[in-house]
Amino acid sequence: MALSYKELYFMLFSAITDALRELQCGRIVSAIQILLRASEEAEAVHMETDILPDAPLE
């Protein structure tokens, strides 16, 4: 699976947005779980995947 840093950024940004929504509703534990899951998934993707730059290397 090829992934760009941009796609990884969007994945993490989405999780942060979800966690902020949970915090605004007072669901702290849920927000923490979202952030931990996103962190673990990003780590796994980074370690197991060739991450490609958005632009070709010259």
PDB file of N, CA and C in Angstrom:
ATOM      1  N   MET A   1       0.849  -1.191   0.000  1.00  0.00           N
ATOM      2  CA  MET A   1       0.000   0.000   0.000  1.00  0.00           C
ATOM      3  C   MET A   1       0.883   1.239   0.000  1.00  0.00           C
ATOM      4  N   ALA A   2       0.699   2.091  -0.980  1.00  0.00           N
ATOM      5  CA  ALA A   2       1.455   3.340  -1.058  1.00  0.00           C
ATOM      6  C   ALA A   2       0.626   4.456  -0.431  1.00  0.00           C
ATOM      7  N   LEU A   3       1.293   5.289   0.306  1.00  0.00           N
ATOM      8  CA  LEU A   3       0.614   6.358   1.015  1.00  0.00           C
ATOM      9  C   LEU A   3       1.511   7.581   0.988  1.00  0.00           C
ATOM     10  N   SER A   4       0.923   8.744   0.843  1.00  0.00           N
ATOM     11  CA  SER A   4       1.715   9.965   0.893  1.00  0.00           C
ATOM     12  C   SER A   4       1.624  10.563   2.291  1.00  0.00           C
ATOM     13  N   TYR A   5       2.569  11.424   2.599  1.00  0.00           N
ATOM     14  CA  TYR A   5       2.516  12.122   3.884  1.00  0.00           C
ATOM     15  C   TYR A   5       1.241  12.958   3.990  1.00  0.00           C
ATOM     16  N   LYS A   6       0.784  13.461   2.857  1.00  0.00           N
ATOM     17  CA  LYS A   6      -0.436  14.267   2.842  1.00  0.00           C
ATOM     18  C   LYS A   6      -1.630  13.423   3.292  1.00  0.00           C
ATOM     19  N   GLU A   7      -1.735  12.202   2.797  1.00  0.00           N
ATOM     20  CA  GLU A   7      -2.833  11.313   3.184  1.00  0.00           C
ATOM     21  C   GLU A   7      -2.748  10.947   4.665  1.00  0.00           C
ATOM     22  N   LEU A   8      -1.533  10.714   5.157  1.00  0.00           N
ATOM     23  CA  LEU A   8      -1.346  10.412   6.574  1.00  0.00           C
ATOM     24  C   LEU A   8      -1.739  11.618   7.426  1.00  0.00           C
ATOM     25  N   TYR A   9      -1.373  12.814   6.973  1.00  0.00           N
ATOM     26  CA  TYR A   9      -1.754  14.049   7.669  1.00  0.00           C
ATOM     27  C   TYR A   9      -3.275  14.171   7.746  1.00  0.00           C
ATOM     28  N   PHE A  10      -3.965  13.941   6.630  1.00  0.00           N
ATOM     29  CA  PHE A  10      -5.424  14.052   6.624  1.00  0.00           C
ATOM     30  C   PHE A  10      -6.066  13.024   7.548  1.00  0.00           C
ATOM     31  N   MET A  11      -5.486  11.833   7.622  1.00  0.00           N
ATOM     32  CA  MET A  11      -6.002  10.805   8.517  1.00  0.00           C
ATOM     33  C   MET A  11      -5.896  11.279   9.975  1.00  0.00           C
ATOM     34  N   LEU A  12      -4.748  11.825  10.337  1.00  0.00           N
ATOM     35  CA  LEU A  12      -4.551  12.309  11.705  1.00  0.00           C
ATOM     36  C   LEU A  12      -5.406  13.543  11.985  1.00  0.00           C
ATOM     37  N   PHE A  13      -5.503  14.446  11.018  1.00  0.00           N
ATOM     38  CA  PHE A  13      -6.293  15.660  11.203  1.00  0.00           C
ATOM     39  C   PHE A  13      -7.762  15.316  11.432  1.00  0.00           C
ATOM     40  N   SER A  14      -8.254  14.328  10.708  1.00  0.00           N
ATOM     41  CA  SER A  14      -9.637  13.884  10.882  1.00  0.00           C
ATOM     42  C   SER A  14      -9.859  13.352  12.300  1.00  0.00           C
ATOM     43  N   ALA A  15      -8.912  12.580  12.795  1.00  0.00           N
ATOM     44  CA  ALA A  15      -9.032  12.051  14.159  1.00  0.00           C
ATOM     45  C   ALA A  15      -8.998  13.174  15.189  1.00  0.00           C
ATOM     46  N   ILE A  16      -8.160  14.162  14.977  1.00  0.00           N
ATOM     47  CA  ILE A  16      -8.100  15.298  15.893  1.00  0.00           C
ATOM     48  C   ILE A  16      -9.426  16.050  15.896  1.00  0.00           C
ATOM     49  N   THR A  17      -9.995  16.244  14.725  1.00  0.00           N
ATOM     50  CA  THR A  17     -11.294  16.911  14.623  1.00  0.00           C
ATOM     51  C   THR A  17     -12.372  16.121  15.367  1.00  0.00           C
ATOM     52  N   ASP A  18     -12.368  14.806  15.193  1.00  0.00           N
ATOM     53  CA  ASP A  18     -13.330  13.962  15.898  1.00  0.00           C
ATOM     54  C   ASP A  18     -13.133  14.056  17.411  1.00  0.00           C
ATOM     55  N   ALA A  19     -11.882  14.040  17.853  1.00  0.00           N
ATOM     56  CA  ALA A  19     -11.595  14.122  19.283  1.00  0.00           C
ATOM     57  C   ALA A  19     -12.031  15.467  19.854  1.00  0.00           C
ATOM     58  N   LEU A  20     -11.815  16.541  19.116  1.00  0.00           N
ATOM     59  CA  LEU A  20     -12.250  17.864  19.581  1.00  0.00           C
ATOM     60  C   LEU A  20     -13.775  17.919  19.720  1.00  0.00           C
ATOM     61  N   ARG A  21     -14.469  17.305  18.788  1.00  0.00           N
ATOM     62  CA  ARG A  21     -15.925  17.255  18.862  1.00  0.00           C
ATOM     63  C   ARG A  21     -16.368  16.523  20.132  1.00  0.00           C
ATOM     64  N   GLU A  22     -15.693  15.421  20.428  1.00  0.00           N
ATOM     65  CA  GLU A  22     -16.009  14.672  21.643  1.00  0.00           C
ATOM     66  C   GLU A  22     -15.724  15.510  22.889  1.00  0.00           C
ATOM     67  N   LEU A  23     -14.633  16.239  22.896  1.00  0.00           N
ATOM     68  CA  LEU A  23     -14.302  17.087  24.045  1.00  0.00           C
ATOM     69  C   LEU A  23     -15.350  18.182  24.246  1.00  0.00           C
ATOM     70  N   GLN A  24     -15.818  18.757  23.150  1.00  0.00           N
ATOM     71  CA  GLN A  24     -16.837  19.804  23.250  1.00  0.00           C
ATOM     72  C   GLN A  24     -18.130  19.271  23.857  1.00  0.00           C
ATOM     73  N   CYS A  25     -18.380  17.977  23.700  1.00  0.00           N
ATOM     74  CA  CYS A  25     -19.575  17.348  24.266  1.00  0.00           C
ATOM     75  C   CYS A  25     -19.306  16.775  25.653  1.00  0.00           C
ATOM     76  N   GLY A  26     -18.096  16.967  26.144  1.00  0.00           N
ATOM     77  CA  GLY A  26     -17.752  16.492  27.478  1.00  0.00           C
ATOM     78  C   GLY A  26     -17.369  15.030  27.551  1.00  0.00           C
ATOM     79  N   ARG A  27     -17.141  14.399  26.406  1.00  0.00           N
ATOM     80  CA  ARG A  27     -16.794  12.974  26.375  1.00  0.00           C
ATOM     81  C   ARG A  27     -15.265  12.821  26.301  1.00  0.00           C
ATOM     82  N   ILE A  28     -14.630  13.025  27.438  1.00  0.00           N
ATOM     83  CA  ILE A  28     -13.171  13.051  27.504  1.00  0.00           C
ATOM     84  C   ILE A  28     -12.565  11.688  27.197  1.00  0.00           C
ATOM     85  N   VAL A  29     -13.113  10.644  27.781  1.00  0.00           N
ATOM     86  CA  VAL A  29     -12.569   9.299  27.565  1.00  0.00           C
ATOM     87  C   VAL A  29     -12.651   8.920  26.093  1.00  0.00           C
ATOM     88  N   SER A  30     -13.758   9.231  25.460  1.00  0.00           N
ATOM     89  CA  SER A  30     -13.915   8.950  24.030  1.00  0.00           C
ATOM     90  C   SER A  30     -12.877   9.708  23.201  1.00  0.00           C
ATOM     91  N   ALA A  31     -12.636  10.972  23.540  1.00  0.00           N
ATOM     92  CA  ALA A  31     -11.634  11.772  22.832  1.00  0.00           C
ATOM     93  C   ALA A  31     -10.252  11.156  22.975  1.00  0.00           C
ATOM     94  N   ILE A  32      -9.929  10.725  24.173  1.00  0.00           N
ATOM     95  CA  ILE A  32      -8.624  10.090  24.400  1.00  0.00           C
ATOM     96  C   ILE A  32      -8.503   8.813  23.585  1.00  0.00           C
ATOM     97  N   GLN A  33      -9.562   8.023  23.553  1.00  0.00           N
ATOM     98  CA  GLN A  33      -9.543   6.775  22.787  1.00  0.00           C
ATOM     99  C   GLN A  33      -9.344   7.043  21.298  1.00  0.00           C
ATOM    100  N   ILE A  34     -10.008   8.059  20.778  1.00  0.00           N
ATOM    101  CA  ILE A  34      -9.861   8.422  19.360  1.00  0.00           C
ATOM    102  C   ILE A  34      -8.416   8.796  19.063  1.00  0.00           C
ATOM    103  N   LEU A  35      -7.826   9.622  19.919  1.00  0.00           N
ATOM    104  CA  LEU A  35      -6.448  10.064  19.696  1.00  0.00           C
ATOM    105  C   LEU A  35      -5.450   8.911  19.822  1.00  0.00           C
ATOM    106  N   LEU A  36      -5.655   8.044  20.798  1.00  0.00           N
ATOM    107  CA  LEU A  36      -4.766   6.891  20.950  1.00  0.00           C
ATOM    108  C   LEU A  36      -4.855   5.962  19.744  1.00  0.00           C
ATOM    109  N   ARG A  37      -6.079   5.701  19.282  1.00  0.00           N
ATOM    110  CA  ARG A  37      -6.267   4.835  18.114  1.00  0.00           C
ATOM    111  C   ARG A  37      -5.605   5.440  16.877  1.00  0.00           C
ATOM    112  N   ALA A  38      -5.788   6.734  16.685  1.00  0.00           N
ATOM    113  CA  ALA A  38      -5.184   7.403  15.523  1.00  0.00           C
ATOM    114  C   ALA A  38      -3.661   7.358  15.596  1.00  0.00           C
ATOM    115  N   SER A  39      -3.125   7.559  16.785  1.00  0.00           N
ATOM    116  CA  SER A  39      -1.683   7.498  16.972  1.00  0.00           C
ATOM    117  C   SER A  39      -1.145   6.109  16.652  1.00  0.00           C
ATOM    118  N   GLU A  40      -1.828   5.084  17.130  1.00  0.00           N
ATOM    119  CA  GLU A  40      -1.414   3.703  16.870  1.00  0.00           C
ATOM    120  C   GLU A  40      -1.515   3.355  15.392  1.00  0.00           C
ATOM    121  N   GLU A  41      -2.599   3.791  14.750  1.00  0.00           N
ATOM    122  CA  GLU A  41      -2.776   3.511  13.320  1.00  0.00           C
ATOM    123  C   GLU A  41      -1.722   4.233  12.489  1.00  0.00           C
ATOM    124  N   ALA A  42      -1.444   5.477  12.824  1.00  0.00           N
ATOM    125  CA  ALA A  42      -0.433   6.236  12.086  1.00  0.00           C
ATOM    126  C   ALA A  42       0.943   5.598  12.248  1.00  0.00           C
ATOM    127  N   GLU A  43       1.242   5.159  13.457  1.00  0.00           N
ATOM    128  CA  GLU A  43       2.515   4.480  13.712  1.00  0.00           C
ATOM    129  C   GLU A  43       2.621   3.212  12.883  1.00  0.00           C
ATOM    130  N   ALA A  44       1.547   2.420  12.862  1.00  0.00           N
ATOM    131  CA  ALA A  44       1.547   1.178  12.097  1.00  0.00           C
ATOM    132  C   ALA A  44       1.710   1.441  10.608  1.00  0.00           C
ATOM    133  N   VAL A  45       0.979   2.416  10.110  1.00  0.00           N
ATOM    134  CA  VAL A  45       1.079   2.755   8.677  1.00  0.00           C
ATOM    135  C   VAL A  45       2.496   3.216   8.348  1.00  0.00           C
ATOM    136  N   HIS A  46       3.042   4.053   9.196  1.00  0.00           N
ATOM    137  CA  HIS A  46       4.378   4.589   8.948  1.00  0.00           C
ATOM    138  C   HIS A  46       5.433   3.486   8.954  1.00  0.00           C
ATOM    139  N   MET A  47       5.295   2.529   9.853  1.00  0.00           N
ATOM    140  CA  MET A  47       6.289   1.464   9.971  1.00  0.00           C
ATOM    141  C   MET A  47       6.134   0.381   8.898  1.00  0.00           C
ATOM    142  N   GLU A  48       4.921   0.180   8.390  1.00  0.00           N
ATOM    143  CA  GLU A  48       4.666  -0.928   7.476  1.00  0.00           C
ATOM    144  C   GLU A  48       4.505  -0.521   6.018  1.00  0.00           C
ATOM    145  N   THR A  49       4.496   0.757   5.737  1.00  0.00           N
ATOM    146  CA  THR A  49       4.155   1.227   4.399  1.00  0.00           C
ATOM    147  C   THR A  49       5.262   2.094   3.836  1.00  0.00           C
ATOM    148  N   ASP A  50       5.454   2.000   2.535  1.00  0.00           N
ATOM    149  CA  ASP A  50       6.328   2.944   1.853  1.00  0.00           C
ATOM    150  C   ASP A  50       5.559   4.241   1.704  1.00  0.00           C
ATOM    151  N   ILE A  51       6.004   5.277   2.382  1.00  0.00           N
ATOM    152  CA  ILE A  51       5.326   6.560   2.278  1.00  0.00           C
ATOM    153  C   ILE A  51       6.003   7.366   1.189  1.00  0.00           C
ATOM    154  N   LEU A  52       5.198   7.775   0.231  1.00  0.00           N
ATOM    155  CA  LEU A  52       5.711   8.467  -0.941  1.00  0.00           C
ATOM    156  C   LEU A  52       5.526   9.975  -0.798  1.00  0.00           C
ATOM    157  N   PRO A  53       6.467  10.759  -1.307  1.00  0.00           N
ATOM    158  CA  PRO A  53       6.283  12.202  -1.318  1.00  0.00           C
ATOM    159  C   PRO A  53       5.159  12.581  -2.269  1.00  0.00           C
ATOM    160  N   ASP A  54       4.581  13.771  -2.055  1.00  0.00           N
ATOM    161  CA  ASP A  54       3.510  14.236  -2.944  1.00  0.00           C
ATOM    162  C   ASP A  54       4.033  14.524  -4.344  1.00  0.00           C
ATOM    163  N   ALA A  55       5.254  14.976  -4.443  1.00  0.00           N
ATOM    164  CA  ALA A  55       5.859  15.301  -5.745  1.00  0.00           C
ATOM    165  C   ALA A  55       7.012  14.330  -5.987  1.00  0.00           C
ATOM    166  N   PRO A  56       7.280  13.993  -7.242  1.00  0.00           N
ATOM    167  CA  PRO A  56       8.387  13.086  -7.543  1.00  0.00           C
ATOM    168  C   PRO A  56       9.724  13.688  -7.100  1.00  0.00           C
ATOM    169  N   LEU A  57      10.605  12.840  -6.623  1.00  0.00           N
ATOM    170  CA  LEU A  57      11.938  13.293  -6.256  1.00  0.00           C
ATOM    171  C   LEU A  57      12.740  13.597  -7.500  1.00  0.00           C
ATOM    172  N   GLU A  58      13.534  14.621  -7.455  1.00  0.00           N
ATOM    173  CA  GLU A  58      14.343  14.981  -8.630  1.00  0.00           C
ATOM    174  C   GLU A  58      15.791  14.728  -8.373  1.00  0.00           C
TER     175      GLU A  58
END
